[in-house]
């Protein structure tokens, strides 16, 4: 006798073995159900894994696109060096102007003092 699970059993009708065939049939049915449930669970897990991997690939693609817009380390170093050079130049210009500003303040003060002395001399002479 052959069962659904592929087992071949031949039992003699015997009072001691009368329930064995029914038990074997029940076990084969139970094993098929377990196998089907495992196959379904495996398919669900496989589909979920594929969905998650697709999401990870999309995320990786977005990160790659974003990374392409970043400035490289060597480029940023060059830009920083250029900016530092410009800042140093601007500091020198500002310092020169501040130094010459003091001289121009002195010159204006001397001119005003001279004008006051001339006016004072003119008014006292009269």
PDB file of N, CA and C in Angstrom:
ATOM      1  N   UNK A   1       0.850  -1.160   0.000  1.00  0.00           N
ATOM      2  CA  UNK A   1       0.000   0.000   0.000  1.00  0.00           C
ATOM      3  C   UNK A   1       0.908   1.240   0.000  1.00  0.00           C
ATOM      4  N   UNK A   2       0.602   2.273  -0.810  1.00  0.00           N
ATOM      5  CA  UNK A   2       1.419   3.481  -0.900  1.00  0.00           C
ATOM      6  C   UNK A   2       0.582   4.674  -0.457  1.00  0.00           C
ATOM      7  N   UNK A   3       1.203   5.572   0.360  1.00  0.00           N
ATOM      8  CA  UNK A   3       0.502   6.743   0.890  1.00  0.00           C
ATOM      9  C   UNK A   3       0.949   7.994   0.161  1.00  0.00           C
ATOM     10  N   UNK A   4       0.243   9.106   0.451  1.00  0.00           N
ATOM     11  CA  UNK A   4       0.524  10.387  -0.216  1.00  0.00           C
ATOM     12  C   UNK A   4       1.958  10.848   0.007  1.00  0.00           C
ATOM     13  N   UNK A   5       2.552  10.504   1.130  1.00  0.00           N
ATOM     14  CA  UNK A   5       3.892  10.985   1.443  1.00  0.00           C
ATOM     15  C   UNK A   5       4.969  10.154   0.767  1.00  0.00           C
ATOM     16  N   UNK A   6       4.586   9.131   0.037  1.00  0.00           N
ATOM     17  CA  UNK A   6       5.558   8.332  -0.686  1.00  0.00           C
ATOM     18  C   UNK A   6       5.972   7.083   0.063  1.00  0.00           C
ATOM     19  N   UNK A   7       5.458   6.871   1.259  1.00  0.00           N
ATOM     20  CA  UNK A   7       5.824   5.682   2.030  1.00  0.00           C
ATOM     21  C   UNK A   7       4.999   4.490   1.544  1.00  0.00           C
ATOM     22  N   UNK A   8       5.632   3.379   1.493  1.00  0.00           N
ATOM     23  CA  UNK A   8       4.921   2.157   1.102  1.00  0.00           C
ATOM     24  C   UNK A   8       4.820   1.265   2.330  1.00  0.00           C
ATOM     25  N   UNK A   9       3.606   0.911   2.672  1.00  0.00           N
ATOM     26  CA  UNK A   9       3.393   0.126   3.880  1.00  0.00           C
ATOM     27  C   UNK A   9       2.528  -1.087   3.516  1.00  0.00           C
ATOM     28  N   UNK A  10       2.909  -2.206   3.963  1.00  0.00           N
ATOM     29  CA  UNK A  10       2.047  -3.385   3.790  1.00  0.00           C
ATOM     30  C   UNK A  10       1.935  -4.058   5.146  1.00  0.00           C
ATOM     31  N   UNK A  11       0.774  -4.001   5.662  1.00  0.00           N
ATOM     32  CA  UNK A  11       0.538  -4.594   6.978  1.00  0.00           C
ATOM     33  C   UNK A  11      -0.474  -5.723   6.852  1.00  0.00           C
ATOM     34  N   UNK A  12      -0.271  -6.647   7.626  1.00  0.00           N
ATOM     35  CA  UNK A  12      -1.222  -7.769   7.675  1.00  0.00           C
ATOM     36  C   UNK A  12      -2.313  -7.366   8.644  1.00  0.00           C
ATOM     37  N   UNK A  13      -3.525  -7.667   8.256  1.00  0.00           N
ATOM     38  CA  UNK A  13      -4.623  -7.342   9.173  1.00  0.00           C
ATOM     39  C   UNK A  13      -4.457  -8.155  10.448  1.00  0.00           C
ATOM     40  N   UNK A  14      -4.111  -7.412  11.432  1.00  0.00           N
ATOM     41  CA  UNK A  14      -3.800  -8.044  12.701  1.00  0.00           C
ATOM     42  C   UNK A  14      -4.395  -7.177  13.791  1.00  0.00           C
ATOM     43  N   UNK A  15      -4.908  -7.739  14.851  1.00  0.00           N
ATOM     44  CA  UNK A  15      -5.495  -6.922  15.906  1.00  0.00           C
ATOM     45  C   UNK A  15      -4.473  -6.011  16.579  1.00  0.00           C
ATOM     46  N   UNK A  16      -3.215  -6.388  16.588  1.00  0.00           N
ATOM     47  CA  UNK A  16      -2.193  -5.550  17.226  1.00  0.00           C
ATOM     48  C   UNK A  16      -1.808  -4.369  16.338  1.00  0.00           C
ATOM     49  N   UNK A  17      -1.957  -4.495  15.032  1.00  0.00           N
ATOM     50  CA  UNK A  17      -1.526  -3.475  14.094  1.00  0.00           C
ATOM     51  C   UNK A  17      -2.680  -2.793  13.376  1.00  0.00           C
ATOM     52  N   UNK A  18      -3.851  -2.922  13.835  1.00  0.00           N
ATOM     53  CA  UNK A  18      -5.014  -2.391  13.127  1.00  0.00           C
ATOM     54  C   UNK A  18      -5.008  -0.867  13.049  1.00  0.00           C
ATOM     55  N   UNK A  19      -4.514  -0.153  14.033  1.00  0.00           N
ATOM     56  CA  UNK A  19      -4.521   1.311  14.031  1.00  0.00           C
ATOM     57  C   UNK A  19      -3.262   1.924  13.445  1.00  0.00           C
ATOM     58  N   UNK A  20      -2.288   1.097  13.122  1.00  0.00           N
ATOM     59  CA  UNK A  20      -1.009   1.595  12.626  1.00  0.00           C
ATOM     60  C   UNK A  20      -1.186   2.262  11.262  1.00  0.00           C
ATOM     61  N   UNK A  21      -1.946   1.663  10.389  1.00  0.00           N
ATOM     62  CA  UNK A  21      -2.135   2.220   9.053  1.00  0.00           C
ATOM     63  C   UNK A  21      -2.818   3.588   9.125  1.00  0.00           C
ATOM     64  N   UNK A  22      -3.813   3.714   9.978  1.00  0.00           N
ATOM     65  CA  UNK A  22      -4.504   5.006  10.151  1.00  0.00           C
ATOM     66  C   UNK A  22      -3.553   6.046  10.733  1.00  0.00           C
ATOM     67  N   UNK A  23      -2.720   5.614  11.673  1.00  0.00           N
ATOM     68  CA  UNK A  23      -1.744   6.525  12.283  1.00  0.00           C
ATOM     69  C   UNK A  23      -0.732   7.002  11.237  1.00  0.00           C
ATOM     70  N   UNK A  24      -0.288   6.085  10.393  1.00  0.00           N
ATOM     71  CA  UNK A  24       0.686   6.440   9.357  1.00  0.00           C
ATOM     72  C   UNK A  24       0.059   7.423   8.383  1.00  0.00           C
ATOM     73  N   UNK A  25      -1.194   7.172   7.996  1.00  0.00           N
ATOM     74  CA  UNK A  25      -1.895   8.086   7.105  1.00  0.00           C
ATOM     75  C   UNK A  25      -2.024   9.474   7.744  1.00  0.00           C
ATOM     76  N   UNK A  26      -2.352   9.538   9.001  1.00  0.00           N
ATOM     77  CA  UNK A  26      -2.499  10.810   9.713  1.00  0.00           C
ATOM     78  C   UNK A  26      -1.153  11.531   9.792  1.00  0.00           C
ATOM     79  N   UNK A  27      -0.077  10.781  10.046  1.00  0.00           N
ATOM     80  CA  UNK A  27       1.244  11.387  10.120  1.00  0.00           C
ATOM     81  C   UNK A  27       1.676  11.939   8.763  1.00  0.00           C
ATOM     82  N   UNK A  28       1.359  11.188   7.676  1.00  0.00           N
ATOM     83  CA  UNK A  28       1.697  11.674   6.333  1.00  0.00           C
ATOM     84  C   UNK A  28       0.948  12.961   6.026  1.00  0.00           C
ATOM     85  N   UNK A  29      -0.324  13.006   6.398  1.00  0.00           N
ATOM     86  CA  UNK A  29      -1.132  14.211   6.167  1.00  0.00           C
ATOM     87  C   UNK A  29      -0.572  15.392   6.978  1.00  0.00           C
ATOM     88  N   UNK A  30      -0.211  15.100   8.229  1.00  0.00           N
ATOM     89  CA  UNK A  30       0.355  16.140   9.095  1.00  0.00           C
ATOM     90  C   UNK A  30       1.679  16.659   8.525  1.00  0.00           C
ATOM     91  N   UNK A  31       2.514  15.777   8.015  1.00  0.00           N
ATOM     92  CA  UNK A  31       3.794  16.174   7.437  1.00  0.00           C
ATOM     93  C   UNK A  31       3.596  17.033   6.187  1.00  0.00           C
ATOM     94  N   UNK A  32       2.597  16.665   5.374  1.00  0.00           N
ATOM     95  CA  UNK A  32       2.293  17.483   4.191  1.00  0.00           C
ATOM     96  C   UNK A  32       1.846  18.877   4.588  1.00  0.00           C
ATOM     97  N   UNK A  33       0.998  18.964   5.615  1.00  0.00           N
ATOM     98  CA  UNK A  33       0.538  20.275   6.081  1.00  0.00           C
ATOM     99  C   UNK A  33       1.717  21.103   6.595  1.00  0.00           C
ATOM    100  N   UNK A  34       2.602  20.482   7.356  1.00  0.00           N
ATOM    101  CA  UNK A  34       3.771  21.186   7.880  1.00  0.00           C
ATOM    102  C   UNK A  34       4.664  21.644   6.730  1.00  0.00           C
ATOM    103  N   UNK A  35       4.862  20.777   5.757  1.00  0.00           N
ATOM    104  CA  UNK A  35       5.693  21.128   4.609  1.00  0.00           C
ATOM    105  C   UNK A  35       5.085  22.294   3.833  1.00  0.00           C
ATOM    106  N   UNK A  36       3.777  22.279   3.617  1.00  0.00           N
ATOM    107  CA  UNK A  36       3.097  23.384   2.922  1.00  0.00           C
ATOM    108  C   UNK A  36       3.204  24.687   3.714  1.00  0.00           C
ATOM    109  N   UNK A  37       3.028  24.596   5.032  1.00  0.00           N
ATOM    110  CA  UNK A  37       3.129  25.798   5.868  1.00  0.00           C
ATOM    111  C   UNK A  37       4.551  26.360   5.820  1.00  0.00           C
ATOM    112  N   UNK A  38       5.551  25.475   5.857  1.00  0.00           N
ATOM    113  CA  UNK A  38       6.935  25.933   5.790  1.00  0.00           C
ATOM    114  C   UNK A  38       7.228  26.575   4.433  1.00  0.00           C
ATOM    115  N   UNK A  39       6.675  25.999   3.372  1.00  0.00           N
ATOM    116  CA  UNK A  39       6.888  26.562   2.042  1.00  0.00           C
ATOM    117  C   UNK A  39       6.245  27.949   1.933  1.00  0.00           C
ATOM    118  N   UNK A  40       5.041  28.098   2.491  1.00  0.00           N
ATOM    119  CA  UNK A  40       4.377  29.404   2.480  1.00  0.00           C
ATOM    120  C   UNK A  40       5.179  30.421   3.294  1.00  0.00           C
ATOM    121  N   UNK A  41       5.640  30.009   4.459  1.00  0.00           N
ATOM    122  CA  UNK A  41       6.433  30.912   5.302  1.00  0.00           C
ATOM    123  C   UNK A  41       7.725  31.301   4.594  1.00  0.00           C
ATOM    124  N   UNK A  42       8.338  30.342   3.915  1.00  0.00           N
ATOM    125  CA  UNK A  42       9.560  30.628   3.184  1.00  0.00           C
ATOM    126  C   UNK A  42       9.303  31.627   2.062  1.00  0.00           C
ATOM    127  N   UNK A  43       8.197  31.468   1.346  1.00  0.00           N
ATOM    128  CA  UNK A  43       7.848  32.417   0.276  1.00  0.00           C
ATOM    129  C   UNK A  43       7.576  33.810   0.830  1.00  0.00           C
ATOM    130  N   UNK A  44       6.872  33.886   1.963  1.00  0.00           N
ATOM    131  CA  UNK A  44       6.608  35.192   2.582  1.00  0.00           C
ATOM    132  C   UNK A  44       7.920  35.852   2.993  1.00  0.00           C
ATOM    133  N   UNK A  45       8.815  35.078   3.617  1.00  0.00           N
ATOM    134  CA  UNK A  45      10.106  35.625   4.048  1.00  0.00           C
ATOM    135  C   UNK A  45      10.938  36.055   2.846  1.00  0.00           C
ATOM    136  N   UNK A  46      10.888  35.266   1.779  1.00  0.00           N
ATOM    137  CA  UNK A  46      11.636  35.611   0.572  1.00  0.00           C
ATOM    138  C   UNK A  46      11.121  36.911  -0.034  1.00  0.00           C
ATOM    139  N   UNK A  47       9.799  37.056  -0.122  1.00  0.00           N
ATOM    140  CA  UNK A  47       9.213  38.283  -0.671  1.00  0.00           C
ATOM    141  C   UNK A  47       9.543  39.497   0.205  1.00  0.00           C
ATOM    142  N   UNK A  48       9.496  39.311   1.516  1.00  0.00           N
ATOM    143  CA  UNK A  48       9.818  40.405   2.429  1.00  0.00           C
ATOM    144  C   UNK A  48      11.290  40.805   2.294  1.00  0.00           C
ATOM    145  N   UNK A  49      12.163  39.818   2.164  1.00  0.00           N
ATOM    146  CA  UNK A  49      13.587  40.102   1.993  1.00  0.00           C
ATOM    147  C   UNK A  49      13.839  40.855   0.692  1.00  0.00           C
ATOM    148  N   UNK A  50      13.182  40.453  -0.380  1.00  0.00           N
ATOM    149  CA  UNK A  50      13.333  41.148  -1.659  1.00  0.00           C
ATOM    150  C   UNK A  50      12.848  42.589  -1.554  1.00  0.00           C
ATOM    151  N   UNK A  51      11.719  42.792  -0.856  1.00  0.00           N
ATOM    152  CA  UNK A  51      11.193  44.142  -0.684  1.00  0.00           C
ATOM    153  C   UNK A  51      12.178  45.011   0.105  1.00  0.00           C
ATOM    154  N   UNK A  52      12.750  44.449   1.161  1.00  0.00           N
ATOM    155  CA  UNK A  52      13.704  45.208   1.974  1.00  0.00           C
ATOM    156  C   UNK A  52      14.979  45.509   1.190  1.00  0.00           C
ATOM    157  N   UNK A  53      15.439  44.536   0.398  1.00  0.00           N
ATOM    158  CA  UNK A  53      16.642  44.760  -0.404  1.00  0.00           C
ATOM    159  C   UNK A  53      16.405  45.842  -1.453  1.00  0.00           C
ATOM    160  N   UNK A  54      15.212  45.871  -2.043  1.00  0.00           N
ATOM    161  CA  UNK A  54      14.892  46.934  -3.001  1.00  0.00           C
ATOM    162  C   UNK A  54      14.933  48.294  -2.316  1.00  0.00           C
ATOM    163  N   UNK A  55      14.383  48.360  -1.107  1.00  0.00           N
ATOM    164  CA  UNK A  55      14.420  49.613  -0.348  1.00  0.00           C
ATOM    165  C   UNK A  55      15.844  50.039  -0.039  1.00  0.00           C
ATOM    166  N   UNK A  56      16.685  49.073   0.323  1.00  0.00           N
ATOM    167  CA  UNK A  56      18.084  49.389   0.616  1.00  0.00           C
ATOM    168  C   UNK A  56      18.803  49.865  -0.635  1.00  0.00           C
ATOM    169  N   UNK A  57      18.503  49.247  -1.778  1.00  0.00           N
ATOM    170  CA  UNK A  57      19.139  49.673  -3.032  1.00  0.00           C
ATOM    171  C   UNK A  57      18.703  51.079  -3.405  1.00  0.00           C
ATOM    172  N   UNK A  58      17.419  51.401  -3.198  1.00  0.00           N
ATOM    173  CA  UNK A  58      16.951  52.766  -3.470  1.00  0.00           C
ATOM    174  C   UNK A  58      17.673  53.754  -2.560  1.00  0.00           C
ATOM    175  N   UNK A  59      17.817  53.395  -1.277  1.00  0.00           N
ATOM    176  CA  UNK A  59      18.501  54.270  -0.332  1.00  0.00           C
ATOM    177  C   UNK A  59      19.958  54.459  -0.736  1.00  0.00           C
ATOM    178  N   UNK A  60      20.617  53.374  -1.156  1.00  0.00           N
ATOM    179  CA  UNK A  60      22.011  53.457  -1.593  1.00  0.00           C
ATOM    180  C   UNK A  60      22.139  54.355  -2.817  1.00  0.00           C
ATOM    181  N   UNK A  61      21.192  54.239  -3.751  1.00  0.00           N
ATOM    182  CA  UNK A  61      21.228  55.101  -4.936  1.00  0.00           C
ATOM    183  C   UNK A  61      21.077  56.569  -4.553  1.00  0.00           C
ATOM    184  N   UNK A  62      20.185  56.852  -3.611  1.00  0.00           N
ATOM    185  CA  UNK A  62      20.009  58.242  -3.158  1.00  0.00           C
ATOM    186  C   UNK A  62      21.283  58.761  -2.501  1.00  0.00           C
ATOM    187  N   UNK A  63      21.922  57.913  -1.690  1.00  0.00           N
ATOM    188  CA  UNK A  63      23.173  58.328  -1.052  1.00  0.00           C
ATOM    189  C   UNK A  63      24.264  58.582  -2.083  1.00  0.00           C
ATOM    190  N   UNK A  64      24.325  57.738  -3.113  1.00  0.00           N
ATOM    191  CA  UNK A  64      25.318  57.946  -4.168  1.00  0.00           C
ATOM    192  C   UNK A  64      25.068  59.261  -4.898  1.00  0.00           C
ATOM    193  N   UNK A  65      23.799  59.547  -5.198  1.00  0.00           N
ATOM    194  CA  UNK A  65      23.470  60.816  -5.863  1.00  0.00           C
ATOM    195  C   UNK A  65      23.860  61.993  -4.979  1.00  0.00           C
ATOM    196  N   UNK A  66      23.586  61.874  -3.684  1.00  0.00           N
ATOM    197  CA  UNK A  66      23.909  62.960  -2.760  1.00  0.00           C
ATOM    198  C   UNK A  66      25.427  63.111  -2.628  1.00  0.00           C
ATOM    199  N   UNK A  67      26.136  62.000  -2.575  1.00  0.00           N
ATOM    200  CA  UNK A  67      27.601  62.053  -2.429  1.00  0.00           C
ATOM    201  C   UNK A  67      28.254  62.698  -3.649  1.00  0.00           C
ATOM    202  N   UNK A  68      27.632  62.566  -4.807  1.00  0.00           N
ATOM    203  CA  UNK A  68      28.193  63.181  -6.013  1.00  0.00           C
ATOM    204  C   UNK A  68      28.148  64.702  -5.952  1.00  0.00           C
ATOM    205  N   UNK A  69      27.278  65.261  -5.119  1.00  0.00           N
ATOM    206  CA  UNK A  69      27.187  66.717  -5.013  1.00  0.00           C
ATOM    207  C   UNK A  69      28.164  67.278  -3.979  1.00  0.00           C
ATOM    208  N   UNK A  70      28.774  66.422  -3.171  1.00  0.00           N
ATOM    209  CA  UNK A  70      29.699  66.882  -2.140  1.00  0.00           C
ATOM    210  C   UNK A  70      31.004  67.354  -2.764  1.00  0.00           C
ATOM    211  N   UNK A  71      31.631  68.313  -2.097  1.00  0.00           N
ATOM    212  CA  UNK A  71      32.937  68.810  -2.531  1.00  0.00           C
ATOM    213  C   UNK A  71      33.992  67.857  -1.993  1.00  0.00           C
ATOM    214  N   UNK A  72      34.954  67.535  -2.828  1.00  0.00           N
ATOM    215  CA  UNK A  72      36.024  66.633  -2.423  1.00  0.00           C
ATOM    216  C   UNK A  72      36.962  67.287  -1.422  1.00  0.00           C
ATOM    217  N   UNK A  73      37.734  66.476  -0.719  1.00  0.00           N
ATOM    218  CA  UNK A  73      38.644  66.974   0.308  1.00  0.00           C
ATOM    219  C   UNK A  73      39.712  67.881  -0.286  1.00  0.00           C
ATOM    220  N   UNK A  74      40.305  67.486  -1.411  1.00  0.00           N
ATOM    221  CA  UNK A  74      41.356  68.303  -2.020  1.00  0.00           C
ATOM    222  C   UNK A  74      40.784  69.607  -2.559  1.00  0.00           C
ATOM    223  N   UNK A  75      39.583  69.544  -3.146  1.00  0.00           N
ATOM    224  CA  UNK A  75      38.960  70.766  -3.650  1.00  0.00           C
ATOM    225  C   UNK A  75      38.662  71.730  -2.510  1.00  0.00           C
ATOM    226  N   UNK A  76      38.143  71.187  -1.395  1.00  0.00           N
ATOM    227  CA  UNK A  76      37.817  72.069  -0.271  1.00  0.00           C
ATOM    228  C   UNK A  76      39.085  72.666   0.338  1.00  0.00           C
ATOM    229  N   UNK A  77      40.191  71.895   0.378  1.00  0.00           N
ATOM    230  CA  UNK A  77      41.449  72.438   0.893  1.00  0.00           C
ATOM    231  C   UNK A  77      41.918  73.605   0.033  1.00  0.00           C
ATOM    232  N   UNK A  78      41.843  73.451  -1.291  1.00  0.00           N
ATOM    233  CA  UNK A  78      42.253  74.524  -2.191  1.00  0.00           C
ATOM    234  C   UNK A  78      41.400  75.768  -1.987  1.00  0.00           C
ATOM    235  N   UNK A  79      40.091  75.577  -1.852  1.00  0.00           N
ATOM    236  CA  UNK A  79      39.200  76.722  -1.659  1.00  0.00           C
ATOM    237  C   UNK A  79      39.490  77.422  -0.332  1.00  0.00           C
ATOM    238  N   UNK A  80      39.754  76.646   0.713  1.00  0.00           N
ATOM    239  CA  UNK A  80      40.068  77.236   2.018  1.00  0.00           C
ATOM    240  C   UNK A  80      41.367  78.025   1.926  1.00  0.00           C
ATOM    241  N   UNK A  81      42.366  77.478   1.238  1.00  0.00           N
ATOM    242  CA  UNK A  81      43.635  78.197   1.087  1.00  0.00           C
ATOM    243  C   UNK A  81      43.439  79.501   0.316  1.00  0.00           C
ATOM    244  N   UNK A  82      42.612  79.479  -0.731  1.00  0.00           N
ATOM    245  CA  UNK A  82      42.322  80.705  -1.473  1.00  0.00           C
ATOM    246  C   UNK A  82      41.644  81.736  -0.572  1.00  0.00           C
ATOM    247  N   UNK A  83      40.680  81.275   0.214  1.00  0.00           N
ATOM    248  CA  UNK A  83      39.985  82.194   1.118  1.00  0.00           C
ATOM    249  C   UNK A  83      40.928  82.774   2.164  1.00  0.00           C
ATOM    250  N   UNK A  84      41.817  81.953   2.690  1.00  0.00           N
ATOM    251  CA  UNK A  84      42.778  82.450   3.691  1.00  0.00           C
ATOM    252  C   UNK A  84      43.671  83.501   3.059  1.00  0.00           C
ATOM    253  N   UNK A  85      44.117  83.257   1.819  1.00  0.00           N
ATOM    254  CA  UNK A  85      44.955  84.237   1.121  1.00  0.00           C
ATOM    255  C   UNK A  85      44.206  85.551   0.949  1.00  0.00           C
ATOM    256  N   UNK A  86      42.938  85.472   0.567  1.00  0.00           N
ATOM    257  CA  UNK A  86      42.141  86.692   0.384  1.00  0.00           C
ATOM    258  C   UNK A  86      41.935  87.419   1.714  1.00  0.00           C
ATOM    259  N   UNK A  87      41.723  86.668   2.795  1.00  0.00           N
ATOM    260  CA  UNK A  87      41.525  87.291   4.112  1.00  0.00           C
ATOM    261  C   UNK A  87      42.788  88.016   4.548  1.00  0.00           C
ATOM    262  N   UNK A  88      43.939  87.365   4.346  1.00  0.00           N
ATOM    263  CA  UNK A  88      45.207  88.004   4.718  1.00  0.00           C
ATOM    264  C   UNK A  88      45.396  89.293   3.927  1.00  0.00           C
ATOM    265  N   UNK A  89      45.102  89.267   2.630  1.00  0.00           N
ATOM    266  CA  UNK A  89      45.219  90.459   1.792  1.00  0.00           C
ATOM    267  C   UNK A  89      44.277  91.561   2.279  1.00  0.00           C
ATOM    268  N   UNK A  90      43.042  91.194   2.587  1.00  0.00           N
ATOM    269  CA  UNK A  90      42.083  92.189   3.082  1.00  0.00           C
ATOM    270  C   UNK A  90      42.524  92.772   4.428  1.00  0.00           C
ATOM    271  N   UNK A  91      43.102  91.931   5.290  1.00  0.00           N
ATOM    272  CA  UNK A  91      43.609  92.438   6.565  1.00  0.00           C
ATOM    273  C   UNK A  91      44.727  93.454   6.346  1.00  0.00           C
ATOM    274  N   UNK A  92      45.610  93.158   5.396  1.00  0.00           N
ATOM    275  CA  UNK A  92      46.692  94.101   5.102  1.00  0.00           C
ATOM    276  C   UNK A  92      46.127  95.426   4.593  1.00  0.00           C
ATOM    277  N   UNK A  93      45.131  95.354   3.705  1.00  0.00           N
ATOM    278  CA  UNK A  93      44.521  96.582   3.166  1.00  0.00           C
ATOM    279  C   UNK A  93      43.866  97.385   4.283  1.00  0.00           C
ATOM    280  N   UNK A  94      43.126  96.689   5.151  1.00  0.00           N
ATOM    281  CA  UNK A  94      42.444  97.378   6.259  1.00  0.00           C
ATOM    282  C   UNK A  94      43.475  98.000   7.189  1.00  0.00           C
ATOM    283  N   UNK A  95      44.537  97.278   7.501  1.00  0.00           N
ATOM    284  CA  UNK A  95      45.572  97.824   8.379  1.00  0.00           C
ATOM    285  C   UNK A  95      46.243  99.044   7.745  1.00  0.00           C
ATOM    286  N   UNK A  96      46.493  99.007   6.446  1.00  0.00           N
ATOM    287  CA  UNK A  96      47.102 100.150   5.758  1.00  0.00           C
ATOM    288  C   UNK A  96      46.169 101.354   5.816  1.00  0.00           C
ATOM    289  N   UNK A  97      44.891 101.097   5.555  1.00  0.00           N
ATOM    290  CA  UNK A  97      43.929 102.219   5.587  1.00  0.00           C
ATOM    291  C   UNK A  97      43.803 102.790   6.984  1.00  0.00           C
ATOM    292  N   UNK A  98      43.807 101.940   7.985  1.00  0.00           N
ATOM    293  CA  UNK A  98      43.721 102.454   9.352  1.00  0.00           C
ATOM    294  C   UNK A  98      44.955 103.267   9.706  1.00  0.00           C
ATOM    295  N   UNK A  99      46.123 102.815   9.241  1.00  0.00           N
ATOM    296  CA  UNK A  99      47.348 103.572   9.502  1.00  0.00           C
ATOM    297  C   UNK A  99      47.328 104.908   8.792  1.00  0.00           C
ATOM    298  N   UNK A 100      46.885 104.949   7.553  1.00  0.00           N
ATOM    299  CA  UNK A 100      46.836 106.213   6.824  1.00  0.00           C
ATOM    300  C   UNK A 100      45.704 107.090   7.342  1.00  0.00           C
ATOM    301  N   UNK A 101      44.703 106.482   7.932  1.00  0.00           N
ATOM    302  CA  UNK A 101      43.600 107.258   8.489  1.00  0.00           C
ATOM    303  C   UNK A 101      44.102 108.129   9.641  1.00  0.00           C
ATOM    304  N   UNK A 102      45.005 107.593  10.430  1.00  0.00           N
ATOM    305  CA  UNK A 102      45.552 108.382  11.533  1.00  0.00           C
ATOM    306  C   UNK A 102      46.319 109.594  10.991  1.00  0.00           C
ATOM    307  N   UNK A 103      47.084 109.390   9.922  1.00  0.00           N
ATOM    308  CA  UNK A 103      47.805 110.520   9.334  1.00  0.00           C
ATOM    309  C   UNK A 103      46.837 111.540   8.770  1.00  0.00           C
ATOM    310  N   UNK A 104      45.795 111.075   8.124  1.00  0.00           N
ATOM    311  CA  UNK A 104      44.841 112.044   7.567  1.00  0.00           C
ATOM    312  C   UNK A 104      44.134 112.798   8.691  1.00  0.00           C
ATOM    313  N   UNK A 105      43.867 112.140   9.807  1.00  0.00           N
ATOM    314  CA  UNK A 105      43.268 112.833  10.958  1.00  0.00           C
ATOM    315  C   UNK A 105      44.209 113.925  11.475  1.00  0.00           C
ATOM    316  N   UNK A 106      45.501 113.618  11.533  1.00  0.00           N
ATOM    317  CA  UNK A 106      46.469 114.619  11.992  1.00  0.00           C
ATOM    318  C   UNK A 106      46.539 115.803  11.029  1.00  0.00           C
ATOM    319  N   UNK A 107      46.537 115.502   9.760  1.00  0.00           N
ATOM    320  CA  UNK A 107      46.615 116.574   8.758  1.00  0.00           C
ATOM    321  C   UNK A 107      45.397 117.474   8.856  1.00  0.00           C
ATOM    322  N   UNK A 108      44.213 116.899   8.984  1.00  0.00           N
ATOM    323  CA  UNK A 108      42.974 117.688   9.116  1.00  0.00           C
ATOM    324  C   UNK A 108      43.031 118.525  10.388  1.00  0.00           C
ATOM    325  N   UNK A 109      43.530 117.959  11.459  1.00  0.00           N
ATOM    326  CA  UNK A 109      43.638 118.692  12.723  1.00  0.00           C
ATOM    327  C   UNK A 109      44.586 119.881  12.572  1.00  0.00           C
ATOM    328  N   UNK A 110      45.716 119.671  11.899  1.00  0.00           N
ATOM    329  CA  UNK A 110      46.676 120.759  11.691  1.00  0.00           C
ATOM    330  C   UNK A 110      46.057 121.848  10.824  1.00  0.00           C
ATOM    331  N   UNK A 111      45.342 121.493   9.765  1.00  0.00           N
ATOM    332  CA  UNK A 111      44.716 122.482   8.884  1.00  0.00           C
ATOM    333  C   UNK A 111      43.676 123.295   9.645  1.00  0.00           C
ATOM    334  N   UNK A 112      42.860 122.609  10.470  1.00  0.00           N
ATOM    335  CA  UNK A 112      41.848 123.328  11.258  1.00  0.00           C
ATOM    336  C   UNK A 112      42.528 124.267  12.251  1.00  0.00           C
ATOM    337  N   UNK A 113      43.599 123.801  12.904  1.00  0.00           N
ATOM    338  CA  UNK A 113      44.312 124.645  13.867  1.00  0.00           C
ATOM    339  C   UNK A 113      44.922 125.848  13.163  1.00  0.00           C
ATOM    340  N   UNK A 114      45.481 125.657  11.987  1.00  0.00           N
ATOM    341  CA  UNK A 114      46.057 126.760  11.223  1.00  0.00           C
ATOM    342  C   UNK A 114      44.970 127.771  10.844  1.00  0.00           C
ATOM    343  N   UNK A 115      43.805 127.248  10.407  1.00  0.00           N
ATOM    344  CA  UNK A 115      42.703 128.135  10.034  1.00  0.00           C
ATOM    345  C   UNK A 115      42.226 128.927  11.242  1.00  0.00           C
ATOM    346  N   UNK A 116      42.147 128.314  12.386  1.00  0.00           N
ATOM    347  CA  UNK A 116      41.721 129.018  13.605  1.00  0.00           C
ATOM    348  C   UNK A 116      42.734 130.092  13.963  1.00  0.00           C
ATOM    349  N   UNK A 117      44.024 129.794  13.834  1.00  0.00           N
ATOM    350  CA  UNK A 117      45.045 130.800  14.155  1.00  0.00           C
ATOM    351  C   UNK A 117      44.992 131.972  13.180  1.00  0.00           C
ATOM    352  N   UNK A 118      44.754 131.681  11.900  1.00  0.00           N
ATOM    353  CA  UNK A 118      44.658 132.770  10.917  1.00  0.00           C
ATOM    354  C   UNK A 118      43.444 133.622  11.222  1.00  0.00           C
ATOM    355  N   UNK A 119      42.319 132.977  11.499  1.00  0.00           N
ATOM    356  CA  UNK A 119      41.102 133.739  11.825  1.00  0.00           C
ATOM    357  C   UNK A 119      41.283 134.531  13.111  1.00  0.00           C
ATOM    358  N   UNK A 120      41.913 133.926  14.085  1.00  0.00           N
ATOM    359  CA  UNK A 120      42.150 134.632  15.344  1.00  0.00           C
ATOM    360  C   UNK A 120      43.083 135.822  15.114  1.00  0.00           C
ATOM    361  N   UNK A 121      44.084 135.648  14.321  1.00  0.00           N
ATOM    362  CA  UNK A 121      44.999 136.740  14.030  1.00  0.00           C
ATOM    363  C   UNK A 121      44.278 137.859  13.275  1.00  0.00           C
ATOM    364  N   UNK A 122      43.429 137.500  12.329  1.00  0.00           N
ATOM    365  CA  UNK A 122      42.684 138.483  11.539  1.00  0.00           C
ATOM    366  C   UNK A 122      41.729 139.263  12.439  1.00  0.00           C
ATOM    367  N   UNK A 123      40.998 138.551  13.339  1.00  0.00           N
ATOM    368  CA  UNK A 123      40.047 139.242  14.197  1.00  0.00           C
ATOM    369  C   UNK A 123      40.746 140.092  15.248  1.00  0.00           C
ATOM    370  N   UNK A 124      41.924 139.744  15.742  1.00  0.00           N
ATOM    371  CA  UNK A 124      42.610 140.516  16.789  1.00  0.00           C
ATOM    372  C   UNK A 124      43.278 141.752  16.188  1.00  0.00           C
ATOM    373  N   UNK A 125      43.585 141.684  14.918  1.00  0.00           N
ATOM    374  CA  UNK A 125      44.207 142.827  14.291  1.00  0.00           C
ATOM    375  C   UNK A 125      43.195 143.953  14.120  1.00  0.00           C
ATOM    376  N   UNK A 126      42.010 143.695  14.026  1.00  0.00           N
ATOM    377  CA  UNK A 126      41.007 144.716  13.723  1.00  0.00           C
ATOM    378  C   UNK A 126      40.665 145.512  14.896  1.00  0.00           C
TER     379      UNK A 126
END
